[in-house]
Amino acid sequence: MDNPAQQQANTKIVVRLLFIVVGMFGFGFALVPLYDVLCDALGINGKTADTAAVYQNIEIDESRLITVDFITRVNTGMPWEFTAETKRVEVHPGQINQVNFTVRNPAATDIVGQAVPSVSPGPAALYMNKTECFCFEQQVLQSGQQVSMPMQFYVDPQLPEDITYFTVQYTLYNVTSSAEHVAANRG
């Protein structure tokens, strides 16, 4: 049998290991808000504002052309078909532009979708201003329904000179269950 000194040493090790596990678990929960704060402070993760920008007679910089590519994808498990009607546009900073996206629900049930945008390179996201976007709200499509969804935007003329090209990617997520949960809690 172990002597009392060995049992006491083993108990201390177990307690220390438990504290380490609890600390790691807590750190894991803290990572998401820390990541968001860090990315917001540094402007590095390509997130765009999720509210409409207000366009106020911005002077159009016709001396520059910015190329904007649009990429669409659906998250795993989302049965919708989602495409950009215009894959690439060349825009002058300050000029209002509109592109359309087509989405179709081939599923046998109604589905609620939410589009989440990201911009690459990340710093360009600070200068991509959407005045109208389907990504601001959840989209409800009935079985078999197809719609065209517009997105109006302008590139801020203060976009750094070294950024002449960026990509906007929209990813569609199936949020039907969470939308139903919210609706059930309201009623």
N, C-alpha and C. Protein backbone atom coordinates (compact mmCIF):
# COMPACT_ATOMS: atom_id res chain seq x y z
N MET A 1 0.83 -1.19 0.00
CA MET A 1 0.00 0.00 0.00
C MET A 1 0.87 1.24 0.00
N ASP A 2 0.28 2.31 -0.57
CA ASP A 2 1.00 3.58 -0.59
C ASP A 2 1.07 4.16 0.81
N ASN A 3 2.13 4.86 1.04
CA ASN A 3 2.24 5.52 2.35
C ASN A 3 1.48 6.84 2.30
N PRO A 4 1.19 7.42 3.47
CA PRO A 4 0.40 8.66 3.52
C PRO A 4 1.05 9.81 2.74
N ALA A 5 2.35 9.90 2.71
CA ALA A 5 3.02 10.98 1.97
C ALA A 5 2.78 10.82 0.47
N GLN A 6 2.81 9.59 -0.02
CA GLN A 6 2.56 9.35 -1.44
C GLN A 6 1.12 9.65 -1.80
N GLN A 7 0.17 9.29 -0.94
CA GLN A 7 -1.25 9.58 -1.20
C GLN A 7 -1.49 11.09 -1.22
N GLN A 8 -0.85 11.83 -0.34
CA GLN A 8 -0.99 13.28 -0.29
C GLN A 8 -0.42 13.91 -1.57
N ALA A 9 0.70 13.42 -2.04
CA ALA A 9 1.30 13.93 -3.27
C ALA A 9 0.41 13.63 -4.47
N ASN A 10 -0.18 12.44 -4.50
CA ASN A 10 -1.09 12.08 -5.58
C ASN A 10 -2.35 12.96 -5.57
N THR A 11 -2.86 13.25 -4.40
CA THR A 11 -4.04 14.10 -4.27
C THR A 11 -3.73 15.50 -4.79
N LYS A 12 -2.55 16.04 -4.46
CA LYS A 12 -2.17 17.37 -4.95
C LYS A 12 -2.09 17.38 -6.48
N ILE A 13 -1.54 16.34 -7.06
CA ILE A 13 -1.43 16.27 -8.52
C ILE A 13 -2.82 16.24 -9.16
N VAL A 14 -3.72 15.43 -8.60
CA VAL A 14 -5.08 15.32 -9.13
C VAL A 14 -5.78 16.67 -9.05
N VAL A 15 -5.65 17.38 -7.92
CA VAL A 15 -6.28 18.68 -7.75
C VAL A 15 -5.72 19.68 -8.77
N ARG A 16 -4.42 19.67 -8.95
CA ARG A 16 -3.80 20.58 -9.93
C ARG A 16 -4.30 20.27 -11.35
N LEU A 17 -4.37 18.99 -11.68
CA LEU A 17 -4.86 18.61 -13.00
C LEU A 17 -6.32 19.03 -13.19
N LEU A 18 -7.14 18.91 -12.17
CA LEU A 18 -8.53 19.35 -12.26
C LEU A 18 -8.62 20.85 -12.48
N PHE A 19 -7.78 21.62 -11.79
CA PHE A 19 -7.76 23.07 -12.01
C PHE A 19 -7.34 23.41 -13.45
N ILE A 20 -6.38 22.68 -13.95
CA ILE A 20 -5.94 22.90 -15.34
C ILE A 20 -7.07 22.61 -16.31
N VAL A 21 -7.80 21.51 -16.10
CA VAL A 21 -8.92 21.15 -16.98
C VAL A 21 -10.00 22.22 -16.92
N VAL A 22 -10.36 22.66 -15.72
CA VAL A 22 -11.39 23.70 -15.57
C VAL A 22 -10.92 24.99 -16.23
N GLY A 23 -9.64 25.34 -16.06
CA GLY A 23 -9.10 26.54 -16.68
C GLY A 23 -9.14 26.46 -18.20
N MET A 24 -8.80 25.30 -18.75
CA MET A 24 -8.83 25.13 -20.20
C MET A 24 -10.26 25.22 -20.72
N PHE A 25 -11.20 24.66 -20.00
CA PHE A 25 -12.60 24.72 -20.38
C PHE A 25 -13.08 26.17 -20.40
N GLY A 26 -12.75 26.93 -19.36
CA GLY A 26 -13.12 28.35 -19.30
C GLY A 26 -12.47 29.15 -20.41
N PHE A 27 -11.20 28.86 -20.70
CA PHE A 27 -10.49 29.56 -21.76
C PHE A 27 -11.16 29.28 -23.11
N GLY A 28 -11.62 28.06 -23.32
CA GLY A 28 -12.32 27.71 -24.56
C GLY A 28 -13.57 28.55 -24.75
N PHE A 29 -14.32 28.80 -23.69
CA PHE A 29 -15.50 29.66 -23.78
C PHE A 29 -15.12 31.11 -24.03
N ALA A 30 -14.00 31.55 -23.52
CA ALA A 30 -13.58 32.94 -23.66
C ALA A 30 -12.98 33.22 -25.05
N LEU A 31 -12.60 32.18 -25.79
CA LEU A 31 -11.94 32.40 -27.08
C LEU A 31 -12.81 33.12 -28.10
N VAL A 32 -14.09 32.77 -28.19
CA VAL A 32 -14.95 33.39 -29.21
C VAL A 32 -15.08 34.90 -28.99
N PRO A 33 -15.45 35.36 -27.78
CA PRO A 33 -15.52 36.81 -27.61
C PRO A 33 -14.15 37.49 -27.75
N LEU A 34 -13.09 36.83 -27.32
CA LEU A 34 -11.75 37.40 -27.49
C LEU A 34 -11.38 37.53 -28.96
N TYR A 35 -11.73 36.51 -29.74
CA TYR A 35 -11.47 36.54 -31.18
C TYR A 35 -12.22 37.69 -31.83
N ASP A 36 -13.51 37.86 -31.49
CA ASP A 36 -14.30 38.94 -32.06
C ASP A 36 -13.72 40.30 -31.71
N VAL A 37 -13.33 40.49 -30.46
CA VAL A 37 -12.75 41.77 -30.03
C VAL A 37 -11.44 42.03 -30.77
N LEU A 38 -10.60 41.03 -30.87
CA LEU A 38 -9.32 41.18 -31.55
C LEU A 38 -9.53 41.51 -33.03
N CYS A 39 -10.43 40.79 -33.69
CA CYS A 39 -10.68 41.04 -35.11
C CYS A 39 -11.29 42.42 -35.34
N ASP A 40 -12.20 42.84 -34.46
CA ASP A 40 -12.77 44.18 -34.58
C ASP A 40 -11.69 45.25 -34.40
N ALA A 41 -10.83 45.04 -33.43
CA ALA A 41 -9.78 46.03 -33.15
C ALA A 41 -8.78 46.12 -34.30
N LEU A 42 -8.46 44.98 -34.90
CA LEU A 42 -7.47 44.97 -35.98
C LEU A 42 -8.09 45.03 -37.37
N GLY A 43 -9.43 44.84 -37.44
CA GLY A 43 -10.10 44.87 -38.73
C GLY A 43 -9.65 43.76 -39.66
N ILE A 44 -9.50 42.54 -39.13
CA ILE A 44 -8.87 41.50 -39.95
C ILE A 44 -9.72 40.31 -40.35
N ASN A 45 -10.95 40.18 -39.97
CA ASN A 45 -11.56 38.91 -40.35
C ASN A 45 -12.56 38.99 -41.48
N GLY A 46 -12.66 40.12 -42.15
CA GLY A 46 -13.49 40.21 -43.34
C GLY A 46 -14.97 40.31 -43.08
N LYS A 47 -15.37 40.55 -41.85
CA LYS A 47 -16.80 40.71 -41.57
C LYS A 47 -17.24 42.08 -42.05
N THR A 48 -18.42 42.10 -42.65
CA THR A 48 -18.99 43.38 -43.06
C THR A 48 -20.06 43.76 -42.05
N ALA A 49 -20.45 45.02 -42.07
CA ALA A 49 -21.51 45.48 -41.16
C ALA A 49 -22.80 44.76 -41.50
N ASP A 50 -23.59 44.44 -40.48
CA ASP A 50 -24.84 43.74 -40.74
C ASP A 50 -26.03 44.70 -40.70
N THR A 51 -25.77 45.98 -40.93
CA THR A 51 -26.81 46.98 -41.05
C THR A 51 -26.58 47.79 -42.32
N ALA A 52 -27.64 48.41 -42.81
CA ALA A 52 -27.55 49.17 -44.05
C ALA A 52 -26.74 50.44 -43.87
N ALA A 53 -25.88 50.69 -44.84
CA ALA A 53 -25.12 51.94 -44.86
C ALA A 53 -26.00 53.02 -45.48
N VAL A 54 -25.78 54.24 -45.10
CA VAL A 54 -26.52 55.36 -45.66
C VAL A 54 -25.63 56.02 -46.71
N TYR A 55 -26.16 56.14 -47.90
CA TYR A 55 -25.39 56.74 -49.00
C TYR A 55 -25.73 58.23 -49.05
N GLN A 56 -24.72 59.08 -48.90
CA GLN A 56 -24.93 60.52 -48.89
C GLN A 56 -24.02 61.19 -49.90
N ASN A 57 -24.48 61.41 -51.08
CA ASN A 57 -23.73 62.15 -52.10
C ASN A 57 -22.22 62.09 -51.94
N ILE A 58 -21.70 60.91 -52.03
CA ILE A 58 -20.25 60.72 -51.94
C ILE A 58 -19.66 61.02 -53.31
N GLU A 59 -18.54 61.70 -53.32
CA GLU A 59 -17.89 62.01 -54.59
C GLU A 59 -17.33 60.73 -55.19
N ILE A 60 -17.68 60.49 -56.42
CA ILE A 60 -17.24 59.28 -57.12
C ILE A 60 -15.82 59.50 -57.64
N ASP A 61 -14.96 58.56 -57.34
CA ASP A 61 -13.57 58.63 -57.79
C ASP A 61 -13.46 57.87 -59.12
N GLU A 62 -13.64 58.59 -60.21
CA GLU A 62 -13.63 57.96 -61.54
C GLU A 62 -12.23 57.63 -62.03
N SER A 63 -11.21 58.04 -61.27
CA SER A 63 -9.84 57.72 -61.67
C SER A 63 -9.43 56.31 -61.27
N ARG A 64 -10.26 55.65 -60.46
CA ARG A 64 -9.92 54.30 -59.98
C ARG A 64 -11.02 53.32 -60.36
N LEU A 65 -10.62 52.10 -60.65
CA LEU A 65 -11.56 51.01 -60.86
C LEU A 65 -11.19 49.90 -59.88
N ILE A 66 -12.20 49.44 -59.15
CA ILE A 66 -12.01 48.35 -58.20
C ILE A 66 -12.78 47.14 -58.75
N THR A 67 -12.14 45.99 -58.79
CA THR A 67 -12.79 44.76 -59.23
C THR A 67 -13.32 44.03 -58.01
N VAL A 68 -14.61 43.69 -58.08
CA VAL A 68 -15.25 42.96 -56.98
C VAL A 68 -15.80 41.65 -57.53
N ASP A 69 -15.35 40.54 -56.97
CA ASP A 69 -15.85 39.22 -57.33
C ASP A 69 -16.89 38.79 -56.30
N PHE A 70 -17.90 38.05 -56.76
CA PHE A 70 -18.94 37.53 -55.86
C PHE A 70 -18.94 36.01 -55.92
N ILE A 71 -18.84 35.41 -54.76
CA ILE A 71 -18.82 33.95 -54.63
C ILE A 71 -19.99 33.56 -53.74
N THR A 72 -20.68 32.51 -54.11
CA THR A 72 -21.79 32.02 -53.30
C THR A 72 -21.53 30.57 -52.92
N ARG A 73 -21.99 30.24 -51.73
CA ARG A 73 -21.92 28.83 -51.31
C ARG A 73 -23.03 28.58 -50.30
N VAL A 74 -23.40 27.33 -50.16
CA VAL A 74 -24.38 26.94 -49.16
C VAL A 74 -23.68 26.06 -48.14
N ASN A 75 -24.05 26.24 -46.90
CA ASN A 75 -23.47 25.44 -45.83
C ASN A 75 -23.94 24.00 -45.95
N THR A 76 -23.15 23.09 -45.43
CA THR A 76 -23.51 21.67 -45.45
C THR A 76 -24.90 21.47 -44.85
N GLY A 77 -25.73 20.73 -45.52
CA GLY A 77 -27.07 20.45 -45.03
C GLY A 77 -28.11 21.45 -45.52
N MET A 78 -27.70 22.50 -46.19
CA MET A 78 -28.63 23.48 -46.74
C MET A 78 -28.91 23.09 -48.19
N PRO A 79 -30.15 22.70 -48.53
CA PRO A 79 -30.42 22.19 -49.87
C PRO A 79 -30.62 23.25 -50.95
N TRP A 80 -30.57 24.51 -50.61
CA TRP A 80 -30.84 25.56 -51.60
C TRP A 80 -29.77 25.60 -52.69
N GLU A 81 -30.18 26.11 -53.85
CA GLU A 81 -29.27 26.43 -54.94
C GLU A 81 -29.09 27.94 -54.90
N PHE A 82 -27.86 28.40 -54.90
CA PHE A 82 -27.56 29.81 -54.67
C PHE A 82 -26.47 30.26 -55.62
N THR A 83 -26.75 31.27 -56.45
CA THR A 83 -25.76 31.76 -57.41
C THR A 83 -25.80 33.28 -57.50
N ALA A 84 -24.67 33.84 -57.84
CA ALA A 84 -24.59 35.26 -58.13
C ALA A 84 -24.90 35.43 -59.61
N GLU A 85 -25.86 36.31 -59.94
CA GLU A 85 -26.20 36.54 -61.34
C GLU A 85 -25.04 37.26 -62.04
N THR A 86 -24.32 38.07 -61.28
CA THR A 86 -23.12 38.75 -61.79
C THR A 86 -21.96 38.28 -60.94
N LYS A 87 -20.99 37.65 -61.58
CA LYS A 87 -19.86 37.10 -60.83
C LYS A 87 -18.78 38.13 -60.54
N ARG A 88 -18.67 39.17 -61.39
CA ARG A 88 -17.61 40.15 -61.22
C ARG A 88 -18.09 41.50 -61.75
N VAL A 89 -17.78 42.55 -61.00
CA VAL A 89 -18.07 43.91 -61.46
C VAL A 89 -16.83 44.78 -61.24
N GLU A 90 -16.72 45.77 -62.08
CA GLU A 90 -15.70 46.79 -61.89
C GLU A 90 -16.43 48.07 -61.50
N VAL A 91 -16.03 48.65 -60.38
CA VAL A 91 -16.75 49.80 -59.84
C VAL A 91 -15.79 50.95 -59.55
N HIS A 92 -16.34 52.15 -59.62
CA HIS A 92 -15.60 53.33 -59.19
C HIS A 92 -15.93 53.55 -57.71
N PRO A 93 -14.95 53.81 -56.87
CA PRO A 93 -15.24 54.10 -55.46
C PRO A 93 -16.24 55.27 -55.34
N GLY A 94 -17.24 55.07 -54.49
CA GLY A 94 -18.27 56.08 -54.28
C GLY A 94 -19.51 55.88 -55.12
N GLN A 95 -19.45 55.02 -56.12
CA GLN A 95 -20.56 54.80 -57.04
C GLN A 95 -21.47 53.69 -56.49
N ILE A 96 -22.79 53.94 -56.51
CA ILE A 96 -23.76 52.92 -56.09
C ILE A 96 -23.84 51.85 -57.18
N ASN A 97 -23.81 50.59 -56.77
CA ASN A 97 -23.88 49.46 -57.70
C ASN A 97 -24.90 48.46 -57.18
N GLN A 98 -25.49 47.71 -58.09
CA GLN A 98 -26.41 46.65 -57.68
C GLN A 98 -26.05 45.36 -58.39
N VAL A 99 -26.03 44.29 -57.62
CA VAL A 99 -25.88 42.94 -58.16
C VAL A 99 -27.03 42.11 -57.61
N ASN A 100 -27.40 41.08 -58.35
CA ASN A 100 -28.50 40.22 -57.93
C ASN A 100 -28.01 38.80 -57.73
N PHE A 101 -28.66 38.13 -56.82
CA PHE A 101 -28.37 36.74 -56.51
C PHE A 101 -29.65 35.95 -56.67
N THR A 102 -29.54 34.75 -57.21
CA THR A 102 -30.70 33.89 -57.38
C THR A 102 -30.61 32.75 -56.38
N VAL A 103 -31.73 32.47 -55.75
CA VAL A 103 -31.78 31.36 -54.81
C VAL A 103 -33.04 30.55 -55.10
N ARG A 104 -32.92 29.24 -55.01
CA ARG A 104 -34.04 28.33 -55.26
C ARG A 104 -34.07 27.27 -54.18
N ASN A 105 -35.27 26.97 -53.71
CA ASN A 105 -35.46 25.93 -52.70
C ASN A 105 -36.04 24.68 -53.38
N PRO A 106 -35.20 23.70 -53.72
CA PRO A 106 -35.70 22.49 -54.36
C PRO A 106 -36.26 21.47 -53.36
N ALA A 107 -36.17 21.77 -52.09
CA ALA A 107 -36.61 20.82 -51.06
C ALA A 107 -38.13 20.71 -51.04
N ALA A 108 -38.62 19.67 -50.41
CA ALA A 108 -40.06 19.44 -50.32
C ALA A 108 -40.69 20.23 -49.17
N THR A 109 -39.90 20.98 -48.41
CA THR A 109 -40.41 21.75 -47.29
C THR A 109 -39.97 23.21 -47.40
N ASP A 110 -40.69 24.07 -46.71
CA ASP A 110 -40.30 25.47 -46.62
C ASP A 110 -39.04 25.56 -45.75
N ILE A 111 -38.16 26.47 -46.11
CA ILE A 111 -36.89 26.61 -45.38
C ILE A 111 -36.60 28.08 -45.15
N VAL A 112 -36.04 28.38 -43.97
CA VAL A 112 -35.60 29.73 -43.65
C VAL A 112 -34.08 29.74 -43.76
N GLY A 113 -33.56 30.69 -44.53
CA GLY A 113 -32.12 30.79 -44.73
C GLY A 113 -31.59 32.13 -44.27
N GLN A 114 -30.33 32.15 -43.92
CA GLN A 114 -29.65 33.39 -43.54
C GLN A 114 -28.31 33.42 -44.26
N ALA A 115 -28.06 34.51 -44.98
CA ALA A 115 -26.79 34.68 -45.69
C ALA A 115 -25.83 35.45 -44.81
N VAL A 116 -24.60 34.97 -44.77
CA VAL A 116 -23.55 35.64 -43.99
C VAL A 116 -22.43 36.02 -44.96
N PRO A 117 -22.11 37.33 -45.04
CA PRO A 117 -21.07 37.76 -45.96
C PRO A 117 -19.69 37.77 -45.32
N SER A 118 -18.68 37.66 -46.15
CA SER A 118 -17.31 37.91 -45.71
C SER A 118 -16.56 38.49 -46.89
N VAL A 119 -15.56 39.29 -46.59
CA VAL A 119 -14.79 39.98 -47.62
C VAL A 119 -13.33 39.61 -47.46
N SER A 120 -12.69 39.38 -48.62
CA SER A 120 -11.27 39.06 -48.60
C SER A 120 -10.58 39.91 -49.66
N PRO A 121 -9.50 40.59 -49.35
CA PRO A 121 -8.79 40.62 -48.08
C PRO A 121 -9.60 41.35 -47.00
N GLY A 122 -9.39 40.94 -45.77
CA GLY A 122 -10.16 41.45 -44.63
C GLY A 122 -10.25 42.96 -44.52
N PRO A 123 -9.15 43.70 -44.71
CA PRO A 123 -9.24 45.16 -44.57
C PRO A 123 -10.23 45.81 -45.53
N ALA A 124 -10.50 45.19 -46.67
CA ALA A 124 -11.46 45.76 -47.63
C ALA A 124 -12.88 45.78 -47.07
N ALA A 125 -13.16 44.91 -46.09
CA ALA A 125 -14.50 44.86 -45.50
C ALA A 125 -14.89 46.20 -44.88
N LEU A 126 -13.91 46.94 -44.40
CA LEU A 126 -14.19 48.24 -43.78
C LEU A 126 -14.70 49.25 -44.79
N TYR A 127 -14.47 49.01 -46.08
CA TYR A 127 -14.81 49.98 -47.12
C TYR A 127 -15.96 49.49 -48.01
N MET A 128 -16.47 48.31 -47.74
CA MET A 128 -17.59 47.74 -48.48
C MET A 128 -18.87 48.12 -47.74
N ASN A 129 -19.67 48.98 -48.33
CA ASN A 129 -20.88 49.48 -47.66
C ASN A 129 -22.12 49.02 -48.42
N LYS A 130 -22.95 48.23 -47.75
CA LYS A 130 -24.18 47.73 -48.37
C LYS A 130 -25.34 48.66 -47.95
N THR A 131 -26.06 49.20 -48.94
CA THR A 131 -27.21 50.03 -48.64
C THR A 131 -28.49 49.21 -48.64
N GLU A 132 -28.46 48.08 -49.32
CA GLU A 132 -29.59 47.15 -49.35
C GLU A 132 -29.01 45.76 -49.53
N CYS A 133 -29.46 44.80 -48.73
CA CYS A 133 -28.91 43.45 -48.86
C CYS A 133 -29.87 42.42 -48.27
N PHE A 134 -30.00 41.32 -48.99
CA PHE A 134 -30.79 40.19 -48.51
C PHE A 134 -30.18 39.59 -47.26
N CYS A 135 -28.91 39.89 -47.00
CA CYS A 135 -28.22 39.32 -45.84
C CYS A 135 -28.64 40.00 -44.53
N PHE A 136 -29.36 41.12 -44.62
CA PHE A 136 -29.80 41.82 -43.40
C PHE A 136 -30.92 41.08 -42.69
N GLU A 137 -31.64 40.24 -43.42
CA GLU A 137 -32.80 39.53 -42.85
C GLU A 137 -32.78 38.06 -43.26
N GLN A 138 -33.50 37.27 -42.51
CA GLN A 138 -33.66 35.87 -42.88
C GLN A 138 -34.59 35.78 -44.08
N GLN A 139 -34.34 34.83 -44.94
CA GLN A 139 -35.12 34.63 -46.15
C GLN A 139 -35.94 33.36 -46.01
N VAL A 140 -37.23 33.46 -46.27
CA VAL A 140 -38.12 32.30 -46.21
C VAL A 140 -38.50 31.92 -47.63
N LEU A 141 -38.18 30.70 -48.01
CA LEU A 141 -38.56 30.21 -49.33
C LEU A 141 -39.42 28.97 -49.18
N GLN A 142 -40.54 29.00 -49.89
CA GLN A 142 -41.42 27.84 -49.88
C GLN A 142 -40.83 26.77 -50.78
N SER A 143 -41.31 25.58 -50.63
CA SER A 143 -40.84 24.46 -51.44
C SER A 143 -40.97 24.79 -52.92
N GLY A 144 -39.88 24.67 -53.67
CA GLY A 144 -39.89 24.92 -55.10
C GLY A 144 -39.78 26.38 -55.50
N GLN A 145 -39.80 27.30 -54.55
CA GLN A 145 -39.77 28.73 -54.86
C GLN A 145 -38.37 29.18 -55.29
N GLN A 146 -38.33 30.11 -56.23
CA GLN A 146 -37.08 30.73 -56.67
C GLN A 146 -37.27 32.24 -56.65
N VAL A 147 -36.26 32.95 -56.14
CA VAL A 147 -36.34 34.41 -56.10
C VAL A 147 -34.98 35.01 -56.49
N SER A 148 -35.07 36.26 -56.94
CA SER A 148 -33.88 37.04 -57.21
C SER A 148 -33.75 38.04 -56.07
N MET A 149 -32.57 38.10 -55.47
CA MET A 149 -32.36 38.96 -54.31
C MET A 149 -31.29 40.01 -54.65
N PRO A 150 -31.64 41.29 -54.53
CA PRO A 150 -30.68 42.34 -54.86
C PRO A 150 -29.76 42.69 -53.69
N MET A 151 -28.60 43.19 -54.05
CA MET A 151 -27.68 43.74 -53.06
C MET A 151 -27.11 45.02 -53.67
N GLN A 152 -27.35 46.15 -53.01
CA GLN A 152 -26.80 47.43 -53.45
C GLN A 152 -25.64 47.78 -52.54
N PHE A 153 -24.57 48.31 -53.15
CA PHE A 153 -23.40 48.62 -52.36
C PHE A 153 -22.60 49.74 -53.02
N TYR A 154 -21.70 50.29 -52.24
CA TYR A 154 -20.69 51.17 -52.79
C TYR A 154 -19.40 50.93 -52.03
N VAL A 155 -18.30 51.20 -52.72
CA VAL A 155 -16.99 51.08 -52.11
C VAL A 155 -16.58 52.47 -51.67
N ASP A 156 -16.23 52.58 -50.41
CA ASP A 156 -15.82 53.88 -49.87
C ASP A 156 -14.59 54.40 -50.63
N PRO A 157 -14.63 55.66 -51.07
CA PRO A 157 -13.48 56.21 -51.80
C PRO A 157 -12.18 56.24 -50.99
N GLN A 158 -12.28 56.04 -49.69
CA GLN A 158 -11.09 56.04 -48.85
C GLN A 158 -10.41 54.67 -48.82
N LEU A 159 -10.90 53.75 -49.65
CA LEU A 159 -10.26 52.45 -49.78
C LEU A 159 -8.79 52.67 -50.12
N PRO A 160 -7.87 52.04 -49.39
CA PRO A 160 -6.45 52.24 -49.68
C PRO A 160 -6.12 51.96 -51.15
N GLU A 161 -5.21 52.74 -51.69
CA GLU A 161 -4.83 52.66 -53.10
C GLU A 161 -4.31 51.28 -53.49
N ASP A 162 -3.71 50.56 -52.54
CA ASP A 162 -3.13 49.26 -52.87
C ASP A 162 -4.17 48.15 -52.98
N ILE A 163 -5.42 48.43 -52.61
CA ILE A 163 -6.48 47.43 -52.76
C ILE A 163 -7.25 47.77 -54.04
N THR A 164 -7.07 46.97 -55.05
CA THR A 164 -7.74 47.19 -56.33
C THR A 164 -8.69 46.04 -56.67
N TYR A 165 -8.72 45.03 -55.81
CA TYR A 165 -9.52 43.83 -56.06
C TYR A 165 -9.91 43.24 -54.72
N PHE A 166 -11.17 42.84 -54.59
CA PHE A 166 -11.55 42.05 -53.43
C PHE A 166 -12.71 41.14 -53.76
N THR A 167 -12.91 40.17 -52.91
CA THR A 167 -13.94 39.17 -53.10
C THR A 167 -14.97 39.26 -51.97
N VAL A 168 -16.24 39.19 -52.36
CA VAL A 168 -17.33 39.12 -51.39
C VAL A 168 -17.94 37.73 -51.51
N GLN A 169 -17.93 37.00 -50.41
CA GLN A 169 -18.50 35.66 -50.40
C GLN A 169 -19.71 35.64 -49.49
N TYR A 170 -20.81 35.07 -50.00
CA TYR A 170 -22.00 34.86 -49.18
C TYR A 170 -22.16 33.38 -48.95
N THR A 171 -22.35 33.01 -47.70
CA THR A 171 -22.63 31.62 -47.34
C THR A 171 -24.04 31.57 -46.77
N LEU A 172 -24.86 30.69 -47.31
CA LEU A 172 -26.24 30.52 -46.84
C LEU A 172 -26.30 29.41 -45.81
N TYR A 173 -26.98 29.71 -44.71
CA TYR A 173 -27.16 28.74 -43.64
C TYR A 173 -28.64 28.44 -43.47
N ASN A 174 -28.94 27.21 -43.13
CA ASN A 174 -30.32 26.81 -42.84
C ASN A 174 -30.59 27.16 -41.38
N VAL A 175 -31.48 28.13 -41.16
CA VAL A 175 -31.79 28.57 -39.79
C VAL A 175 -33.26 28.29 -39.46
N THR A 176 -33.84 27.33 -40.17
CA THR A 176 -35.26 27.02 -39.98
C THR A 176 -35.58 26.66 -38.54
N SER A 177 -34.80 25.79 -37.93
CA SER A 177 -35.11 25.36 -36.56
C SER A 177 -34.99 26.50 -35.57
N SER A 178 -33.99 27.35 -35.71
CA SER A 178 -33.86 28.48 -34.77
C SER A 178 -34.95 29.52 -35.02
N ALA A 179 -35.35 29.72 -36.27
CA ALA A 179 -36.44 30.66 -36.59
C ALA A 179 -37.75 30.15 -36.00
N GLU A 180 -38.00 28.83 -36.09
CA GLU A 180 -39.20 28.25 -35.51
C GLU A 180 -39.19 28.39 -33.99
N HIS A 181 -38.01 28.22 -33.39
CA HIS A 181 -37.87 28.34 -31.94
C HIS A 181 -38.19 29.77 -31.49
N VAL A 182 -37.68 30.76 -32.22
CA VAL A 182 -37.96 32.16 -31.88
C VAL A 182 -39.44 32.45 -32.04
N ALA A 183 -40.04 31.98 -33.15
CA ALA A 183 -41.47 32.21 -33.38
C ALA A 183 -42.33 31.55 -32.29
N ALA A 184 -41.94 30.36 -31.85
CA ALA A 184 -42.70 29.67 -30.80
C ALA A 184 -42.61 30.42 -29.48
N ASN A 185 -41.46 31.03 -29.18
CA ASN A 185 -41.31 31.76 -27.93
C ASN A 185 -42.04 33.09 -27.95
N ARG A 186 -42.30 33.65 -29.13
CA ARG A 186 -43.06 34.91 -29.22
C ARG A 186 -44.53 34.67 -29.00
N GLY A 187 -45.01 33.51 -29.43
CA GLY A 187 -46.45 33.21 -29.38
C GLY A 187 -46.83 32.73 -28.07
